[in-house]
Structures are given as C-alpha cells and as structure tokens.
Amino acid sequence: MNEVSFKFIFIIFFLNAFCFSENISPISYDYVFNNYVSPDLSKNNIGVKYSFKNHSNYFLSHNWISDNLYVGGYLGSNKNDKILYVLNMGYKTDITYMKSNNIIYDFSICNRNNFDSIKSKWKKISILFDFNFINLSFNYLISKCSEQDIENSINNCSNNNDNKHSFFLGFNFYKKINNTLFVDFGFKKTKTNINPFVILRYSL
C-alpha cells in the first residue's frame, strides 16, 4: 500500500478515536456489517457467516451487475430475534493515484424483528478502501429514535421524529482456498467493543 493509502487509514482511525461520541449500545446494531467482495476475487458468490461475539449465523449473497455496481444482502437469526435481513448496494470508483486500489461507496437498509414484535431499522452509509485481499471501512449509521431511546436519553432523541446516529470501523482479510471457495476473516470495531467474525464464500 502506498503513502496515500496510509493517509486514508489514519483518517479513519482518527475519526473513530476523537470525532464521535457513542452512547448507543452496539447490541442494537450487532447484526449490521459490510457485505462486500472485490470483483477481482469473485463476481458472484454466496456464503455463510458466523459472528463470535453474539454467536449469530447469516446467509449472504453478493453480485456484481456491472464493472462498477454491485447488489447484495443477507438473512440471519439468533436467540433473541425472529429474523434479521439486510439489502445493500454499492459503487466502485477507480482512483488513478491509488494503483490497484479502489474506494467503494455502499448503502444498506438493515431490519430486525424480534419475538416481542419490536422492530428496528438502521440505514448504513459506508466508505470502503479496497486493497483486493484486504479492505478497511468507515460505516455511518442512522435510525429513527424509539420510545426506549427517548427514555434512555440517547443523544439527539427528544421525540420519535428525531434520528439517532452511530458508527463502526470494519476490517476484512480474504484468503482463497481454491478456485471456488474463499474465506473472509475480519472484525467490526465500535467505541466499546470488537466483534470478530468469519465468512466462508462460494463463487458461482
């Protein structure tokens, strides 16, 4: 990675350390993560993910529909929730001063329904720095405030029309097993915890 790449990485970790406050429990968005694979690694794939922190399993799909545009999504469940489902799409830009590297802009809609019929929805906007077999990301989250958020005095939540905000950092490392299988090791870093995970993907 060249000098410009390291500058981007420094900016990401600076934002994490100094520019954002966090009084929202990461549990409320523990099902939100990046679903991205470089086109140099796989154009179309399906996979399964295991999260070590909350012991959740997910089924994923990721598909490049043009040289610069992809769509994807995933489904999951755990002991507290009936269903977790996410749809995402993203756009890849080619940066001339970052040879063989790309910047990705990803947008996701993330939904959770639990056994008490409580629903939650997060919208995620991400910037990913893709170095083919490694990527780093900054992920901004926004959601409508709930009654519980108002009672808990979450920042910016004074009524149901307000929005709450959060963020996390992401790191992914990809390793090919053979021509069709590859593994994605990574973690999601919030202000208060680190959530490691592993994904096994199959190229279609």
N, C-alpha and C. Protein backbone atom coordinates (compact mmCIF):
# COMPACT_ATOMS: atom_id res chain seq x y z
N MET A 1 0.85 -1.19 0.00
CA MET A 1 0.00 0.00 0.00
C MET A 1 0.89 1.24 0.00
N ASN A 2 0.48 2.26 -0.76
CA ASN A 2 1.32 3.43 -0.88
C ASN A 2 1.01 4.46 0.20
N GLU A 3 1.70 5.59 0.13
CA GLU A 3 1.58 6.61 1.17
C GLU A 3 0.17 7.17 1.26
N VAL A 4 -0.49 7.35 0.10
CA VAL A 4 -1.84 7.88 0.11
C VAL A 4 -2.78 6.94 0.84
N SER A 5 -2.60 5.63 0.64
CA SER A 5 -3.44 4.64 1.32
C SER A 5 -3.31 4.77 2.83
N PHE A 6 -2.09 4.93 3.33
CA PHE A 6 -1.90 5.05 4.78
C PHE A 6 -2.55 6.33 5.31
N LYS A 7 -2.59 7.38 4.50
CA LYS A 7 -3.26 8.61 4.94
C LYS A 7 -4.74 8.37 5.14
N PHE A 8 -5.36 7.63 4.23
CA PHE A 8 -6.78 7.31 4.38
C PHE A 8 -7.01 6.48 5.64
N ILE A 9 -6.15 5.51 5.90
CA ILE A 9 -6.29 4.67 7.08
C ILE A 9 -6.16 5.52 8.35
N PHE A 10 -5.22 6.44 8.36
CA PHE A 10 -5.04 7.33 9.51
C PHE A 10 -6.29 8.15 9.76
N ILE A 11 -6.91 8.68 8.70
CA ILE A 11 -8.11 9.49 8.84
C ILE A 11 -9.24 8.67 9.47
N ILE A 12 -9.41 7.43 9.03
CA ILE A 12 -10.45 6.57 9.57
C ILE A 12 -10.28 6.38 11.07
N PHE A 13 -9.09 6.03 11.51
CA PHE A 13 -8.88 5.77 12.93
C PHE A 13 -8.90 7.06 13.76
N PHE A 14 -8.57 8.19 13.14
CA PHE A 14 -8.71 9.48 13.82
C PHE A 14 -10.18 9.76 14.09
N LEU A 15 -11.05 9.51 13.09
CA LEU A 15 -12.48 9.71 13.28
C LEU A 15 -13.01 8.83 14.41
N ASN A 16 -12.55 7.61 14.45
CA ASN A 16 -13.01 6.67 15.48
C ASN A 16 -12.59 7.13 16.87
N ALA A 17 -11.39 7.63 17.00
CA ALA A 17 -10.84 7.94 18.32
C ALA A 17 -11.34 9.26 18.89
N PHE A 18 -11.59 10.26 18.02
CA PHE A 18 -11.79 11.61 18.54
C PHE A 18 -13.08 12.31 18.11
N CYS A 19 -13.66 11.93 16.99
CA CYS A 19 -14.70 12.78 16.40
C CYS A 19 -16.12 12.32 16.66
N PHE A 20 -16.33 11.19 17.31
CA PHE A 20 -17.68 10.70 17.52
C PHE A 20 -17.88 10.27 18.96
N SER A 21 -19.01 10.66 19.51
CA SER A 21 -19.39 10.14 20.82
C SER A 21 -20.29 8.93 20.61
N GLU A 22 -20.38 8.06 21.62
CA GLU A 22 -21.14 6.82 21.48
C GLU A 22 -21.87 6.53 22.78
N ASN A 23 -23.21 6.73 22.80
CA ASN A 23 -23.98 6.31 23.96
C ASN A 23 -25.09 5.35 23.54
N ILE A 24 -25.01 4.81 22.33
CA ILE A 24 -25.94 3.80 21.84
C ILE A 24 -25.29 2.44 22.01
N SER A 25 -26.00 1.50 22.58
CA SER A 25 -25.44 0.17 22.78
C SER A 25 -25.17 -0.50 21.44
N PRO A 26 -23.96 -1.03 21.22
CA PRO A 26 -23.65 -1.73 19.97
C PRO A 26 -24.53 -2.95 19.73
N ILE A 27 -25.18 -3.45 20.79
CA ILE A 27 -26.07 -4.60 20.62
C ILE A 27 -27.23 -4.26 19.69
N SER A 28 -27.64 -2.98 19.68
CA SER A 28 -28.77 -2.58 18.85
C SER A 28 -28.47 -2.67 17.36
N TYR A 29 -27.19 -2.71 16.99
CA TYR A 29 -26.84 -2.86 15.57
C TYR A 29 -25.77 -3.94 15.38
N ASP A 30 -25.80 -4.97 16.24
CA ASP A 30 -24.79 -6.02 16.11
C ASP A 30 -24.98 -6.86 14.86
N TYR A 31 -26.15 -6.77 14.23
CA TYR A 31 -26.42 -7.52 13.01
C TYR A 31 -26.03 -6.74 11.75
N VAL A 32 -25.54 -5.53 11.92
CA VAL A 32 -25.17 -4.67 10.79
C VAL A 32 -23.68 -4.82 10.50
N PHE A 33 -23.34 -5.20 9.29
CA PHE A 33 -21.94 -5.32 8.91
C PHE A 33 -21.83 -5.16 7.39
N ASN A 34 -20.61 -5.09 6.89
CA ASN A 34 -20.40 -4.92 5.45
C ASN A 34 -20.51 -6.24 4.72
N ASN A 35 -21.14 -6.20 3.56
CA ASN A 35 -21.25 -7.37 2.69
C ASN A 35 -20.64 -6.96 1.34
N TYR A 36 -19.33 -7.16 1.24
CA TYR A 36 -18.59 -6.71 0.05
C TYR A 36 -17.49 -7.69 -0.29
N VAL A 37 -17.33 -7.94 -1.61
CA VAL A 37 -16.24 -8.75 -2.13
C VAL A 37 -15.70 -8.08 -3.38
N SER A 38 -14.38 -7.95 -3.47
CA SER A 38 -13.75 -7.34 -4.63
C SER A 38 -14.08 -8.14 -5.89
N PRO A 39 -14.35 -7.47 -7.02
CA PRO A 39 -14.62 -8.20 -8.27
C PRO A 39 -13.42 -9.00 -8.76
N ASP A 40 -12.22 -8.63 -8.33
CA ASP A 40 -11.03 -9.40 -8.69
C ASP A 40 -11.01 -10.76 -7.98
N LEU A 41 -11.76 -10.86 -6.89
CA LEU A 41 -11.81 -12.11 -6.13
C LEU A 41 -12.99 -12.98 -6.55
N SER A 42 -14.17 -12.35 -6.75
CA SER A 42 -15.36 -13.10 -7.15
C SER A 42 -16.42 -12.13 -7.67
N LYS A 43 -17.00 -12.46 -8.83
CA LYS A 43 -18.05 -11.63 -9.41
C LYS A 43 -19.40 -11.91 -8.75
N ASN A 44 -19.70 -13.17 -8.49
CA ASN A 44 -20.96 -13.58 -7.88
C ASN A 44 -20.68 -14.68 -6.86
N ASN A 45 -21.24 -14.55 -5.67
CA ASN A 45 -20.96 -15.55 -4.65
C ASN A 45 -22.07 -15.62 -3.61
N ILE A 46 -22.12 -16.73 -2.92
CA ILE A 46 -22.99 -16.90 -1.76
C ILE A 46 -22.09 -17.35 -0.61
N GLY A 47 -22.58 -17.18 0.62
CA GLY A 47 -21.73 -17.55 1.75
C GLY A 47 -22.49 -17.66 3.04
N VAL A 48 -21.79 -18.12 4.07
CA VAL A 48 -22.33 -18.19 5.43
C VAL A 48 -21.34 -17.48 6.36
N LYS A 49 -21.90 -16.76 7.32
CA LYS A 49 -21.08 -16.01 8.26
C LYS A 49 -21.39 -16.46 9.68
N TYR A 50 -20.34 -16.52 10.51
CA TYR A 50 -20.51 -16.77 11.94
C TYR A 50 -19.88 -15.62 12.72
N SER A 51 -20.66 -15.02 13.61
CA SER A 51 -20.18 -13.93 14.46
C SER A 51 -19.86 -14.47 15.84
N PHE A 52 -18.60 -14.31 16.29
CA PHE A 52 -18.16 -14.88 17.56
C PHE A 52 -18.72 -14.15 18.77
N LYS A 53 -19.00 -12.86 18.63
CA LYS A 53 -19.45 -12.06 19.78
C LYS A 53 -20.87 -12.41 20.20
N ASN A 54 -21.79 -12.47 19.21
CA ASN A 54 -23.18 -12.75 19.55
C ASN A 54 -23.64 -14.13 19.10
N HIS A 55 -22.71 -14.94 18.58
CA HIS A 55 -23.00 -16.32 18.18
C HIS A 55 -24.16 -16.40 17.18
N SER A 56 -24.14 -15.48 16.21
CA SER A 56 -25.18 -15.43 15.18
C SER A 56 -24.67 -15.99 13.87
N ASN A 57 -25.60 -16.54 13.08
CA ASN A 57 -25.28 -17.08 11.76
C ASN A 57 -26.08 -16.33 10.70
N TYR A 58 -25.45 -16.14 9.53
CA TYR A 58 -26.09 -15.42 8.44
C TYR A 58 -25.82 -16.13 7.12
N PHE A 59 -26.78 -16.01 6.21
CA PHE A 59 -26.61 -16.46 4.83
C PHE A 59 -26.51 -15.23 3.95
N LEU A 60 -25.43 -15.15 3.13
CA LEU A 60 -25.14 -13.94 2.36
C LEU A 60 -25.12 -14.21 0.86
N SER A 61 -25.36 -13.13 0.10
CA SER A 61 -25.20 -13.16 -1.35
C SER A 61 -24.60 -11.83 -1.79
N HIS A 62 -23.72 -11.89 -2.80
CA HIS A 62 -23.07 -10.68 -3.31
C HIS A 62 -22.85 -10.84 -4.81
N ASN A 63 -23.30 -9.85 -5.60
CA ASN A 63 -23.27 -9.97 -7.06
C ASN A 63 -22.90 -8.66 -7.73
N TRP A 64 -21.87 -8.70 -8.57
CA TRP A 64 -21.51 -7.56 -9.40
C TRP A 64 -22.38 -7.59 -10.65
N ILE A 65 -23.15 -6.50 -10.88
CA ILE A 65 -24.04 -6.45 -12.04
C ILE A 65 -23.46 -5.58 -13.16
N SER A 66 -22.37 -4.90 -12.89
CA SER A 66 -21.61 -4.18 -13.92
C SER A 66 -20.19 -4.03 -13.41
N ASP A 67 -19.33 -3.35 -14.16
CA ASP A 67 -17.94 -3.18 -13.73
C ASP A 67 -17.83 -2.37 -12.44
N ASN A 68 -18.80 -1.51 -12.17
CA ASN A 68 -18.70 -0.61 -11.02
C ASN A 68 -19.84 -0.73 -10.01
N LEU A 69 -20.85 -1.55 -10.30
CA LEU A 69 -22.04 -1.58 -9.45
C LEU A 69 -22.32 -3.00 -8.96
N TYR A 70 -22.64 -3.15 -7.68
CA TYR A 70 -22.98 -4.46 -7.12
C TYR A 70 -24.22 -4.35 -6.24
N VAL A 71 -24.88 -5.50 -6.03
CA VAL A 71 -26.01 -5.61 -5.11
C VAL A 71 -25.78 -6.85 -4.25
N GLY A 72 -26.36 -6.85 -3.07
CA GLY A 72 -26.21 -7.99 -2.19
C GLY A 72 -27.20 -7.94 -1.05
N GLY A 73 -27.05 -8.87 -0.14
CA GLY A 73 -27.91 -8.91 1.03
C GLY A 73 -27.60 -10.12 1.88
N TYR A 74 -28.24 -10.17 3.05
CA TYR A 74 -28.07 -11.34 3.91
C TYR A 74 -29.27 -11.50 4.83
N LEU A 75 -29.45 -12.75 5.30
CA LEU A 75 -30.50 -13.13 6.24
C LEU A 75 -29.87 -13.78 7.45
N GLY A 76 -30.48 -13.61 8.60
CA GLY A 76 -29.96 -14.25 9.79
C GLY A 76 -31.00 -14.33 10.88
N SER A 77 -30.64 -14.99 11.97
CA SER A 77 -31.49 -15.06 13.16
C SER A 77 -30.61 -15.42 14.35
N ASN A 78 -31.13 -15.15 15.54
CA ASN A 78 -30.43 -15.56 16.76
C ASN A 78 -31.45 -15.86 17.84
N LYS A 79 -31.01 -16.08 19.06
CA LYS A 79 -31.93 -16.50 20.12
C LYS A 79 -32.90 -15.40 20.53
N ASN A 80 -32.60 -14.14 20.17
CA ASN A 80 -33.47 -13.03 20.58
C ASN A 80 -34.34 -12.49 19.44
N ASP A 81 -34.00 -12.82 18.21
CA ASP A 81 -34.68 -12.22 17.07
C ASP A 81 -35.22 -13.28 16.12
N LYS A 82 -36.44 -13.03 15.59
CA LYS A 82 -37.03 -13.95 14.63
C LYS A 82 -36.29 -13.90 13.31
N ILE A 83 -36.00 -12.68 12.85
CA ILE A 83 -35.33 -12.56 11.56
C ILE A 83 -34.55 -11.26 11.49
N LEU A 84 -33.40 -11.33 10.86
CA LEU A 84 -32.56 -10.18 10.55
C LEU A 84 -32.34 -10.18 9.04
N TYR A 85 -32.61 -9.09 8.37
CA TYR A 85 -32.43 -9.07 6.93
C TYR A 85 -31.92 -7.71 6.47
N VAL A 86 -31.01 -7.77 5.51
CA VAL A 86 -30.31 -6.57 5.04
C VAL A 86 -30.18 -6.62 3.53
N LEU A 87 -30.40 -5.48 2.88
CA LEU A 87 -30.15 -5.31 1.46
C LEU A 87 -29.11 -4.22 1.29
N ASN A 88 -28.15 -4.45 0.40
CA ASN A 88 -27.13 -3.42 0.19
C ASN A 88 -26.77 -3.31 -1.29
N MET A 89 -26.29 -2.14 -1.65
CA MET A 89 -25.76 -1.92 -3.00
C MET A 89 -24.60 -0.96 -2.91
N GLY A 90 -23.70 -1.03 -3.87
CA GLY A 90 -22.53 -0.17 -3.80
C GLY A 90 -21.96 0.17 -5.15
N TYR A 91 -21.10 1.18 -5.14
CA TYR A 91 -20.48 1.68 -6.36
C TYR A 91 -18.98 1.77 -6.17
N LYS A 92 -18.23 1.25 -7.13
CA LYS A 92 -16.77 1.25 -7.07
C LYS A 92 -16.19 2.35 -7.93
N THR A 93 -15.27 3.10 -7.37
CA THR A 93 -14.56 4.14 -8.13
C THR A 93 -13.11 3.73 -8.31
N ASP A 94 -12.57 4.02 -9.47
CA ASP A 94 -11.16 3.75 -9.75
C ASP A 94 -10.37 5.02 -9.50
N ILE A 95 -9.42 4.96 -8.59
CA ILE A 95 -8.62 6.12 -8.21
C ILE A 95 -7.27 6.05 -8.90
N THR A 96 -6.98 7.04 -9.71
CA THR A 96 -5.76 6.99 -10.52
C THR A 96 -4.50 7.07 -9.67
N TYR A 97 -4.56 7.78 -8.52
CA TYR A 97 -3.36 7.92 -7.69
C TYR A 97 -3.23 6.79 -6.67
N MET A 98 -4.16 5.80 -6.72
CA MET A 98 -4.06 4.63 -5.85
C MET A 98 -4.12 3.40 -6.73
N LYS A 99 -3.02 3.08 -7.38
CA LYS A 99 -2.98 1.99 -8.34
C LYS A 99 -3.34 0.67 -7.68
N SER A 100 -4.20 -0.09 -8.36
CA SER A 100 -4.69 -1.41 -7.94
C SER A 100 -5.56 -1.33 -6.68
N ASN A 101 -5.91 -0.12 -6.22
CA ASN A 101 -6.79 0.05 -5.07
C ASN A 101 -8.05 0.80 -5.50
N ASN A 102 -9.12 0.64 -4.74
CA ASN A 102 -10.39 1.27 -5.08
C ASN A 102 -11.05 1.84 -3.82
N ILE A 103 -11.92 2.82 -4.04
CA ILE A 103 -12.80 3.32 -2.99
C ILE A 103 -14.22 2.89 -3.34
N ILE A 104 -14.92 2.33 -2.36
CA ILE A 104 -16.26 1.81 -2.56
C ILE A 104 -17.23 2.62 -1.70
N TYR A 105 -18.38 2.99 -2.30
CA TYR A 105 -19.45 3.65 -1.57
C TYR A 105 -20.61 2.67 -1.47
N ASP A 106 -20.99 2.30 -0.24
CA ASP A 106 -22.00 1.27 -0.02
C ASP A 106 -23.16 1.84 0.78
N PHE A 107 -24.39 1.47 0.38
CA PHE A 107 -25.60 1.88 1.10
C PHE A 107 -26.40 0.64 1.46
N SER A 108 -26.81 0.53 2.73
CA SER A 108 -27.54 -0.65 3.20
C SER A 108 -28.78 -0.25 3.99
N ILE A 109 -29.82 -1.06 3.89
CA ILE A 109 -31.01 -0.95 4.73
C ILE A 109 -31.08 -2.22 5.57
N CYS A 110 -31.08 -2.06 6.89
CA CYS A 110 -30.92 -3.19 7.82
C CYS A 110 -32.13 -3.27 8.75
N ASN A 111 -32.77 -4.43 8.78
CA ASN A 111 -34.00 -4.61 9.56
C ASN A 111 -33.88 -5.75 10.56
N ARG A 112 -34.57 -5.57 11.69
CA ARG A 112 -34.59 -6.59 12.74
C ARG A 112 -36.02 -6.70 13.29
N ASN A 113 -36.53 -7.93 13.35
CA ASN A 113 -37.81 -8.21 14.01
C ASN A 113 -37.55 -9.24 15.10
N ASN A 114 -38.00 -8.96 16.35
CA ASN A 114 -37.74 -9.92 17.42
C ASN A 114 -39.02 -10.58 17.91
N PHE A 115 -38.90 -11.43 18.88
CA PHE A 115 -40.03 -12.24 19.35
C PHE A 115 -41.07 -11.41 20.11
N ASP A 116 -40.72 -10.20 20.52
CA ASP A 116 -41.68 -9.32 21.19
C ASP A 116 -42.35 -8.36 20.21
N SER A 117 -42.19 -8.65 18.90
CA SER A 117 -42.78 -7.83 17.83
C SER A 117 -42.21 -6.41 17.82
N ILE A 118 -41.01 -6.27 18.35
CA ILE A 118 -40.31 -4.98 18.30
C ILE A 118 -39.46 -4.95 17.04
N LYS A 119 -39.62 -3.90 16.26
CA LYS A 119 -38.89 -3.78 15.01
C LYS A 119 -37.88 -2.64 15.10
N SER A 120 -36.78 -2.80 14.41
CA SER A 120 -35.81 -1.71 14.32
C SER A 120 -35.22 -1.69 12.92
N LYS A 121 -34.84 -0.52 12.49
CA LYS A 121 -34.26 -0.37 11.16
C LYS A 121 -33.12 0.63 11.23
N TRP A 122 -31.99 0.23 10.67
CA TRP A 122 -30.84 1.12 10.52
C TRP A 122 -30.56 1.32 9.04
N LYS A 123 -30.12 2.51 8.68
CA LYS A 123 -29.58 2.77 7.36
C LYS A 123 -28.09 2.99 7.51
N LYS A 124 -27.32 2.34 6.65
CA LYS A 124 -25.85 2.40 6.76
C LYS A 124 -25.26 2.98 5.49
N ILE A 125 -24.37 3.93 5.67
CA ILE A 125 -23.59 4.50 4.56
C ILE A 125 -22.13 4.25 4.86
N SER A 126 -21.44 3.59 3.93
CA SER A 126 -20.06 3.16 4.19
C SER A 126 -19.11 3.65 3.11
N ILE A 127 -17.89 3.91 3.53
CA ILE A 127 -16.77 4.14 2.61
C ILE A 127 -15.76 3.03 2.88
N LEU A 128 -15.48 2.24 1.85
CA LEU A 128 -14.53 1.14 1.97
C LEU A 128 -13.30 1.44 1.14
N PHE A 129 -12.15 1.15 1.69
CA PHE A 129 -10.89 1.25 0.98
C PHE A 129 -10.44 -0.17 0.65
N ASP A 130 -10.54 -0.51 -0.63
CA ASP A 130 -10.35 -1.88 -1.08
C ASP A 130 -8.95 -2.08 -1.63
N PHE A 131 -8.19 -2.97 -0.99
CA PHE A 131 -6.85 -3.32 -1.44
C PHE A 131 -6.82 -4.77 -1.93
N ASN A 132 -7.89 -5.17 -2.62
CA ASN A 132 -8.09 -6.51 -3.18
C ASN A 132 -8.30 -7.57 -2.11
N PHE A 133 -7.25 -8.00 -1.41
CA PHE A 133 -7.41 -9.04 -0.41
C PHE A 133 -7.56 -8.50 1.00
N ILE A 134 -7.54 -7.18 1.14
CA ILE A 134 -7.77 -6.52 2.43
C ILE A 134 -8.65 -5.31 2.18
N ASN A 135 -9.62 -5.04 3.04
CA ASN A 135 -10.31 -3.76 2.97
C ASN A 135 -10.58 -3.20 4.35
N LEU A 136 -10.60 -1.88 4.43
CA LEU A 136 -10.90 -1.14 5.64
C LEU A 136 -12.10 -0.26 5.35
N SER A 137 -12.93 -0.01 6.37
CA SER A 137 -14.14 0.77 6.11
C SER A 137 -14.50 1.64 7.30
N PHE A 138 -15.14 2.77 6.98
CA PHE A 138 -15.80 3.61 7.96
C PHE A 138 -17.30 3.55 7.65
N ASN A 139 -18.12 3.28 8.67
CA ASN A 139 -19.54 2.99 8.47
C ASN A 139 -20.39 3.88 9.37
N TYR A 140 -21.21 4.69 8.75
CA TYR A 140 -22.08 5.62 9.47
C TYR A 140 -23.50 5.07 9.49
N LEU A 141 -24.15 5.09 10.66
CA LEU A 141 -25.48 4.53 10.84
C LEU A 141 -26.46 5.61 11.28
N ILE A 142 -27.71 5.51 10.78
CA ILE A 142 -28.76 6.43 11.19
C ILE A 142 -30.07 5.65 11.33
N SER A 143 -30.86 6.03 12.36
CA SER A 143 -32.13 5.35 12.60
C SER A 143 -33.07 6.29 13.34
N LYS A 144 -34.37 6.06 13.19
CA LYS A 144 -35.36 6.83 13.93
C LYS A 144 -35.29 6.47 15.42
N CYS A 145 -35.49 7.46 16.26
CA CYS A 145 -35.47 7.23 17.70
C CYS A 145 -36.74 6.49 18.14
N SER A 146 -36.58 5.54 19.05
CA SER A 146 -37.70 4.81 19.62
C SER A 146 -38.06 5.41 20.99
N GLU A 147 -39.18 4.94 21.55
CA GLU A 147 -39.57 5.39 22.89
C GLU A 147 -38.50 5.02 23.92
N GLN A 148 -37.91 3.85 23.75
CA GLN A 148 -36.85 3.42 24.67
C GLN A 148 -35.64 4.34 24.56
N ASP A 149 -35.30 4.79 23.34
CA ASP A 149 -34.18 5.72 23.17
C ASP A 149 -34.43 7.03 23.89
N ILE A 150 -35.67 7.51 23.82
CA ILE A 150 -36.03 8.76 24.49
C ILE A 150 -35.91 8.60 26.00
N GLU A 151 -36.42 7.46 26.52
CA GLU A 151 -36.34 7.19 27.96
C GLU A 151 -34.90 7.06 28.43
N ASN A 152 -34.03 6.52 27.58
CA ASN A 152 -32.63 6.31 27.95
C ASN A 152 -31.75 7.52 27.65
N SER A 153 -32.37 8.61 27.20
CA SER A 153 -31.65 9.87 26.92
C SER A 153 -30.53 9.68 25.91
N ILE A 154 -30.82 8.94 24.85
CA ILE A 154 -29.86 8.79 23.76
C ILE A 154 -29.65 10.13 23.08
N ASN A 155 -28.43 10.44 22.70
CA ASN A 155 -28.12 11.71 22.06
C ASN A 155 -29.06 11.98 20.88
N ASN A 156 -29.57 13.21 20.81
CA ASN A 156 -30.43 13.71 19.73
C ASN A 156 -31.84 13.14 19.77
N CYS A 157 -32.19 12.31 20.76
CA CYS A 157 -33.52 11.68 20.82
C CYS A 157 -34.41 12.38 21.85
N SER A 158 -35.19 13.36 21.38
CA SER A 158 -36.16 14.02 22.26
C SER A 158 -37.59 13.65 21.89
N ASN A 159 -37.82 13.16 20.64
CA ASN A 159 -39.13 12.66 20.23
C ASN A 159 -38.94 11.63 19.11
N ASN A 160 -40.06 11.02 18.69
CA ASN A 160 -39.99 9.94 17.72
C ASN A 160 -39.62 10.39 16.31
N ASN A 161 -39.62 11.67 16.08
CA ASN A 161 -39.24 12.19 14.76
C ASN A 161 -37.75 12.46 14.64
N ASP A 162 -37.04 12.34 15.75
CA ASP A 162 -35.60 12.58 15.74
C ASP A 162 -34.85 11.34 15.23
N ASN A 163 -33.61 11.56 14.87
CA ASN A 163 -32.75 10.47 14.40
C ASN A 163 -31.59 10.27 15.36
N LYS A 164 -31.23 9.02 15.57
CA LYS A 164 -30.03 8.70 16.34
C LYS A 164 -28.94 8.27 15.36
N HIS A 165 -27.70 8.41 15.78
CA HIS A 165 -26.56 8.15 14.90
C HIS A 165 -25.54 7.29 15.61
N SER A 166 -24.87 6.46 14.85
CA SER A 166 -23.76 5.69 15.38
C SER A 166 -22.78 5.39 14.25
N PHE A 167 -21.78 4.58 14.53
CA PHE A 167 -20.76 4.28 13.54
C PHE A 167 -19.97 3.05 13.99
N PHE A 168 -19.24 2.47 13.06
CA PHE A 168 -18.25 1.45 13.41
C PHE A 168 -17.20 1.40 12.32
N LEU A 169 -16.07 0.80 12.66
CA LEU A 169 -15.00 0.56 11.70
C LEU A 169 -15.00 -0.91 11.33
N GLY A 170 -14.59 -1.22 10.10
CA GLY A 170 -14.55 -2.60 9.66
C GLY A 170 -13.20 -2.96 9.07
N PHE A 171 -12.81 -4.22 9.26
CA PHE A 171 -11.59 -4.76 8.66
C PHE A 171 -11.89 -6.14 8.13
N ASN A 172 -11.50 -6.41 6.88
CA ASN A 172 -11.71 -7.72 6.26
C ASN A 172 -10.43 -8.18 5.56
N PHE A 173 -10.12 -9.46 5.76
CA PHE A 173 -8.99 -10.10 5.08
C PHE A 173 -9.51 -11.34 4.37
N TYR A 174 -9.20 -11.46 3.07
CA TYR A 174 -9.71 -12.56 2.26
C TYR A 174 -8.58 -13.54 1.91
N LYS A 175 -8.91 -14.84 1.98
CA LYS A 175 -7.94 -15.89 1.67
C LYS A 175 -8.61 -16.94 0.80
N LYS A 176 -8.06 -17.17 -0.41
CA LYS A 176 -8.60 -18.17 -1.30
C LYS A 176 -8.20 -19.57 -0.83
N ILE A 177 -9.19 -20.48 -0.86
CA ILE A 177 -8.93 -21.88 -0.55
C ILE A 177 -8.66 -22.65 -1.84
N ASN A 178 -9.52 -22.39 -2.84
CA ASN A 178 -9.33 -22.96 -4.18
C ASN A 178 -10.01 -22.03 -5.18
N ASN A 179 -10.32 -22.49 -6.38
CA ASN A 179 -10.89 -21.63 -7.41
C ASN A 179 -12.32 -21.19 -7.10
N THR A 180 -13.01 -21.89 -6.23
CA THR A 180 -14.41 -21.54 -5.96
C THR A 180 -14.66 -21.15 -4.50
N LEU A 181 -13.80 -21.54 -3.58
CA LEU A 181 -14.02 -21.24 -2.17
C LEU A 181 -13.00 -20.23 -1.65
N PHE A 182 -13.47 -19.32 -0.82
CA PHE A 182 -12.54 -18.42 -0.13
C PHE A 182 -13.13 -18.01 1.21
N VAL A 183 -12.24 -17.60 2.11
CA VAL A 183 -12.62 -17.27 3.48
C VAL A 183 -12.39 -15.78 3.71
N ASP A 184 -13.30 -15.18 4.46
CA ASP A 184 -13.20 -13.77 4.84
C ASP A 184 -13.11 -13.71 6.36
N PHE A 185 -11.94 -13.31 6.89
CA PHE A 185 -11.76 -13.09 8.32
C PHE A 185 -11.83 -11.59 8.58
N GLY A 186 -12.45 -11.20 9.68
CA GLY A 186 -12.49 -9.77 9.96
C GLY A 186 -13.04 -9.46 11.33
N PHE A 187 -13.20 -8.15 11.58
CA PHE A 187 -13.83 -7.71 12.81
C PHE A 187 -14.52 -6.37 12.58
N LYS A 188 -15.48 -6.11 13.45
CA LYS A 188 -16.19 -4.83 13.48
C LYS A 188 -15.83 -4.13 14.77
N LYS A 189 -15.33 -2.90 14.69
CA LYS A 189 -14.86 -2.16 15.87
C LYS A 189 -15.78 -0.98 16.14
N THR A 190 -16.45 -1.00 17.31
CA THR A 190 -17.23 0.14 17.77
C THR A 190 -16.43 0.87 18.83
N LYS A 191 -17.05 1.89 19.44
CA LYS A 191 -16.36 2.62 20.50
C LYS A 191 -16.06 1.73 21.70
N THR A 192 -16.92 0.73 21.93
CA THR A 192 -16.83 -0.02 23.18
C THR A 192 -16.46 -1.49 23.03
N ASN A 193 -16.51 -2.06 21.82
CA ASN A 193 -16.15 -3.46 21.70
C ASN A 193 -15.64 -3.82 20.32
N ILE A 194 -15.13 -5.04 20.20
CA ILE A 194 -14.65 -5.59 18.93
C ILE A 194 -15.39 -6.89 18.69
N ASN A 195 -15.97 -7.03 17.50
CA ASN A 195 -16.75 -8.22 17.16
C ASN A 195 -16.06 -8.96 16.01
N PRO A 196 -15.33 -10.05 16.29
CA PRO A 196 -14.68 -10.82 15.23
C PRO A 196 -15.68 -11.76 14.55
N PHE A 197 -15.38 -12.10 13.29
CA PHE A 197 -16.26 -13.00 12.55
C PHE A 197 -15.47 -13.73 11.48
N VAL A 198 -16.10 -14.75 10.90
CA VAL A 198 -15.53 -15.48 9.78
C VAL A 198 -16.64 -15.76 8.78
N ILE A 199 -16.33 -15.64 7.48
CA ILE A 199 -17.29 -15.90 6.41
C ILE A 199 -16.66 -16.88 5.42
N LEU A 200 -17.40 -17.91 5.07
CA LEU A 200 -17.00 -18.84 4.03
C LEU A 200 -17.87 -18.56 2.81
N ARG A 201 -17.24 -18.26 1.67
CA ARG A 201 -17.98 -17.90 0.45
C ARG A 201 -17.66 -18.87 -0.68
N TYR A 202 -18.66 -19.04 -1.54
CA TYR A 202 -18.56 -19.92 -2.70
C TYR A 202 -18.83 -19.12 -3.96
N SER A 203 -17.89 -19.07 -4.89
CA SER A 203 -18.05 -18.35 -6.14
C SER A 203 -18.96 -19.11 -7.10
N LEU A 204 -19.94 -18.41 -7.66
CA LEU A 204 -20.89 -19.04 -8.59
C LEU A 204 -20.40 -18.94 -10.03
